[in-house]
Amino acid sequence: MSGDTITIVQELHKLEFGTHLLVVYHDLVTFREMYSHYAKAALIDNEIVVILPFYETVDSVRRILSEDSANIDVRKFEKEQSLLIIDSLKSYFGSQDGLIPFVNRIVQFAKDSGRNGVSVIGDMAPFFYFGKNAGLLYYETTLPIKFEDMNLKGLCAYHKQDFDKKLSEKEKWILIEHHGETLYLSQFS
């Protein structure tokens, strides 16, 4: 799957729950376009959206979501616990248990509160920040290729420069093989 951001977001929105997707984005502007349009569509469809940024702050993500074409009422959705924006560094390395138990609780909360499901958009860059390529591969390969019997869509996001320059060809292949699908976001125009 590849193409311009708007076309891709429309395709992403059609994906079934259970999807575990590898997303390689060209630049931060392109990534912002993707996650803001995707979040808007998911929130309209009564999903919980979790965004885990690395190359920008939580406050800048809030600002991006509330501006321009997304025009999301961030405060309202955060108050309803439909939108969670958490620094990815803290998400992956901030607790002894890691991210997965937290995601499982959010999926259960979505079910209990009548939401349709959960979408997690997580930037994987903290693993590169700590120089933990082996930890990244371990983490990714412990996740299922498909989240069976879970109303969860997992979008593992990689900046193109990180993906191309910080991973060997073998590591890239392992990641591509372990995701249900791979999406390459072309530069926003």
Protein backbone atom coordinates (compact mmCIF):
# COMPACT_ATOMS: atom_id res chain seq x y z
CA MET A 1 0.00 0.00 0.00
CA SER A 2 1.42 3.39 -0.93
CA GLY A 3 0.25 6.76 -2.17
CA ASP A 4 -0.61 10.26 -1.07
CA THR A 5 -1.75 10.85 2.47
CA ILE A 6 -5.47 11.45 1.87
CA THR A 7 -5.85 8.34 -0.32
CA ILE A 8 -3.96 6.28 2.24
CA VAL A 9 -6.08 7.54 5.14
CA GLN A 10 -9.21 6.48 3.26
CA GLU A 11 -7.73 3.01 2.79
CA LEU A 12 -6.56 2.84 6.40
CA HIS A 13 -10.00 3.70 7.65
CA LYS A 14 -11.38 0.65 5.80
CA LEU A 15 -8.98 -1.77 7.50
CA GLU A 16 -10.52 -4.33 9.80
CA PHE A 17 -9.87 -4.48 13.51
CA GLY A 18 -7.04 -6.87 14.19
CA THR A 19 -4.76 -5.15 11.71
CA HIS A 20 -1.08 -4.80 12.65
CA LEU A 21 0.38 -2.38 10.13
CA LEU A 22 3.89 -1.13 9.43
CA VAL A 23 3.85 2.54 8.37
CA VAL A 24 6.93 4.19 6.88
CA TYR A 25 6.47 7.97 6.60
CA HIS A 26 8.60 10.28 4.49
CA ASP A 27 8.66 13.29 6.81
CA LEU A 28 6.92 14.79 9.81
CA VAL A 29 4.51 16.86 7.71
CA THR A 30 3.34 13.71 5.94
CA PHE A 31 3.00 11.82 9.24
CA ARG A 32 0.98 14.70 10.74
CA GLU A 33 -1.38 14.67 7.80
CA MET A 34 -1.88 10.94 8.14
CA TYR A 35 -2.49 10.78 11.88
CA SER A 36 -4.71 13.88 12.00
CA HIS A 37 -7.03 12.70 9.20
CA TYR A 38 -7.00 9.14 10.49
CA ALA A 39 -7.79 10.25 14.05
CA LYS A 40 -10.68 12.39 12.88
CA ALA A 41 -12.25 9.52 10.93
CA ALA A 42 -11.74 7.04 13.80
CA LEU A 43 -13.18 9.40 16.40
CA ILE A 44 -16.23 10.01 14.22
CA ASP A 45 -16.64 6.21 14.07
CA ASN A 46 -16.70 6.01 17.89
CA GLU A 47 -13.20 4.55 18.27
CA ILE A 48 -10.61 5.37 20.88
CA VAL A 49 -7.44 6.78 19.29
CA VAL A 50 -4.05 6.53 20.98
CA ILE A 51 -1.23 8.56 19.43
CA LEU A 52 2.34 7.98 20.62
CA PRO A 53 4.58 10.67 19.08
CA PHE A 54 8.35 10.87 19.30
CA TYR A 55 9.61 13.59 16.95
CA GLU A 56 7.12 16.12 18.29
CA THR A 57 5.67 16.94 21.68
CA VAL A 58 2.29 15.88 23.02
CA ASP A 59 1.24 19.55 23.01
CA SER A 60 2.23 19.99 19.36
CA VAL A 61 0.15 16.92 18.43
CA ARG A 62 -2.82 18.45 20.26
CA ARG A 63 -2.32 21.67 18.32
CA ILE A 64 -2.02 19.85 14.96
CA LEU A 65 -5.20 17.87 15.63
CA SER A 66 -7.16 20.98 16.56
CA GLU A 67 -6.09 23.00 13.53
CA ASP A 68 -6.62 23.00 9.80
CA SER A 69 -8.51 20.23 8.09
CA ALA A 70 -8.73 17.89 11.09
CA ASN A 71 -10.30 20.54 13.35
CA ILE A 72 -10.77 18.05 16.22
CA ASP A 73 -12.08 19.22 19.60
CA VAL A 74 -9.08 17.69 21.36
CA ARG A 75 -10.09 18.71 24.90
CA LYS A 76 -13.55 17.18 24.48
CA PHE A 77 -12.22 13.85 23.18
CA GLU A 78 -9.47 13.69 25.79
CA LYS A 79 -12.01 14.35 28.54
CA GLU A 80 -14.20 11.54 27.15
CA GLN A 81 -11.08 9.32 27.06
CA SER A 82 -11.59 8.80 23.33
CA LEU A 83 -8.26 10.44 22.47
CA LEU A 84 -5.04 9.67 24.30
CA ILE A 85 -1.79 11.37 23.31
CA ILE A 86 1.24 10.04 25.20
CA ASP A 87 4.95 10.50 24.53
CA SER A 88 6.17 7.30 22.89
CA LEU A 89 9.42 7.29 24.88
CA LYS A 90 7.39 7.06 28.10
CA SER A 91 4.97 4.59 26.53
CA TYR A 92 7.56 2.04 25.49
CA PHE A 93 10.11 2.53 28.30
CA GLY A 94 8.29 4.38 31.09
CA SER A 95 6.96 1.40 32.99
CA GLN A 96 8.21 -2.04 33.89
CA ASP A 97 5.25 -3.69 32.16
CA GLY A 98 5.62 -1.77 28.90
CA LEU A 99 2.91 -0.70 26.50
CA ILE A 100 0.99 -3.93 25.85
CA PRO A 101 -0.83 -4.20 29.22
CA PHE A 102 -1.89 -0.57 28.83
CA VAL A 103 -3.23 -1.23 25.33
CA ASN A 104 -5.10 -4.30 26.59
CA ARG A 105 -6.77 -2.14 29.27
CA ILE A 106 -7.75 0.47 26.68
CA VAL A 107 -9.25 -2.23 24.42
CA GLN A 108 -11.26 -3.55 27.39
CA PHE A 109 -12.33 0.00 28.31
CA ALA A 110 -13.48 0.56 24.71
CA LYS A 111 -15.54 -2.62 24.85
CA ASP A 112 -17.03 -1.79 28.26
CA SER A 113 -17.91 1.77 27.24
CA GLY A 114 -19.59 0.85 23.95
CA ARG A 115 -16.83 2.10 21.68
CA ASN A 116 -16.20 0.32 18.39
CA GLY A 117 -12.52 -0.31 19.06
CA VAL A 118 -9.07 1.19 19.47
CA SER A 119 -6.50 2.51 17.02
CA VAL A 120 -2.93 2.93 18.26
CA ILE A 121 -0.54 4.99 16.15
CA GLY A 122 2.89 4.55 17.71
CA ASP A 123 6.14 6.06 16.52
CA MET A 124 8.83 3.43 17.02
CA ALA A 125 11.75 5.91 17.14
CA PRO A 126 12.43 5.56 20.90
CA PHE A 127 14.06 2.21 20.18
CA PHE A 128 16.54 3.97 17.88
CA TYR A 129 17.02 6.76 20.41
CA PHE A 130 18.25 4.21 22.92
CA GLY A 131 20.12 2.24 20.25
CA LYS A 132 17.95 -0.79 20.88
CA ASN A 133 17.43 -2.29 17.43
CA ALA A 134 17.45 -5.77 18.96
CA GLY A 135 14.84 -4.62 21.49
CA LEU A 136 12.76 -3.22 18.67
CA LEU A 137 12.84 -6.48 16.75
CA TYR A 138 12.03 -8.42 19.90
CA TYR A 139 9.13 -6.10 20.74
CA GLU A 140 7.68 -6.17 17.22
CA THR A 141 8.02 -9.92 16.80
CA THR A 142 6.33 -10.61 20.15
CA LEU A 143 3.26 -8.83 18.80
CA PRO A 144 0.97 -10.93 16.64
CA ILE A 145 0.85 -10.41 12.89
CA LYS A 146 -2.87 -9.97 13.40
CA PHE A 147 -4.57 -9.01 16.67
CA GLU A 148 -7.05 -11.91 16.73
CA ASP A 149 -10.33 -11.36 18.57
CA MET A 150 -9.39 -7.79 19.50
CA ASN A 151 -10.98 -4.59 18.28
CA LEU A 152 -7.55 -3.10 17.83
CA LYS A 153 -5.70 -1.57 14.91
CA GLY A 154 -1.97 -1.18 15.56
CA LEU A 155 -0.04 1.20 13.32
CA CYS A 156 3.71 0.99 13.98
CA ALA A 157 5.18 4.14 12.47
CA TYR A 158 8.77 4.57 11.30
CA HIS A 159 10.38 7.71 9.89
CA LYS A 160 11.85 6.76 6.50
CA GLN A 161 15.36 7.88 7.50
CA ASP A 162 15.25 5.70 10.63
CA PHE A 163 13.89 2.75 8.68
CA ASP A 164 16.39 3.11 5.82
CA LYS A 165 19.52 4.05 7.75
CA LYS A 166 19.21 2.46 11.18
CA LEU A 167 18.01 -0.99 10.17
CA SER A 168 19.86 -3.61 8.18
CA GLU A 169 18.17 -5.19 5.18
CA LYS A 170 17.56 -8.31 7.26
CA GLU A 171 15.96 -6.27 10.08
CA LYS A 172 13.72 -4.44 7.58
CA TRP A 173 12.65 -7.76 6.09
CA ILE A 174 11.83 -9.18 9.53
CA LEU A 175 9.67 -6.16 10.32
CA ILE A 176 7.90 -6.23 6.96
CA GLU A 177 7.22 -9.95 7.27
CA HIS A 178 5.87 -9.61 10.79
CA HIS A 179 3.23 -7.02 9.96
CA GLY A 180 0.00 -7.82 8.17
CA GLU A 181 0.63 -5.07 5.68
CA THR A 182 3.17 -2.31 4.99
CA LEU A 183 2.26 1.22 4.07
CA TYR A 184 4.68 3.73 2.54
CA LEU A 185 3.48 7.32 2.87
CA SER A 186 4.83 9.46 0.07
CA GLN A 187 5.86 13.04 0.66
CA PHE A 188 2.93 15.36 1.32
CA SER A 189 2.25 17.70 -1.56
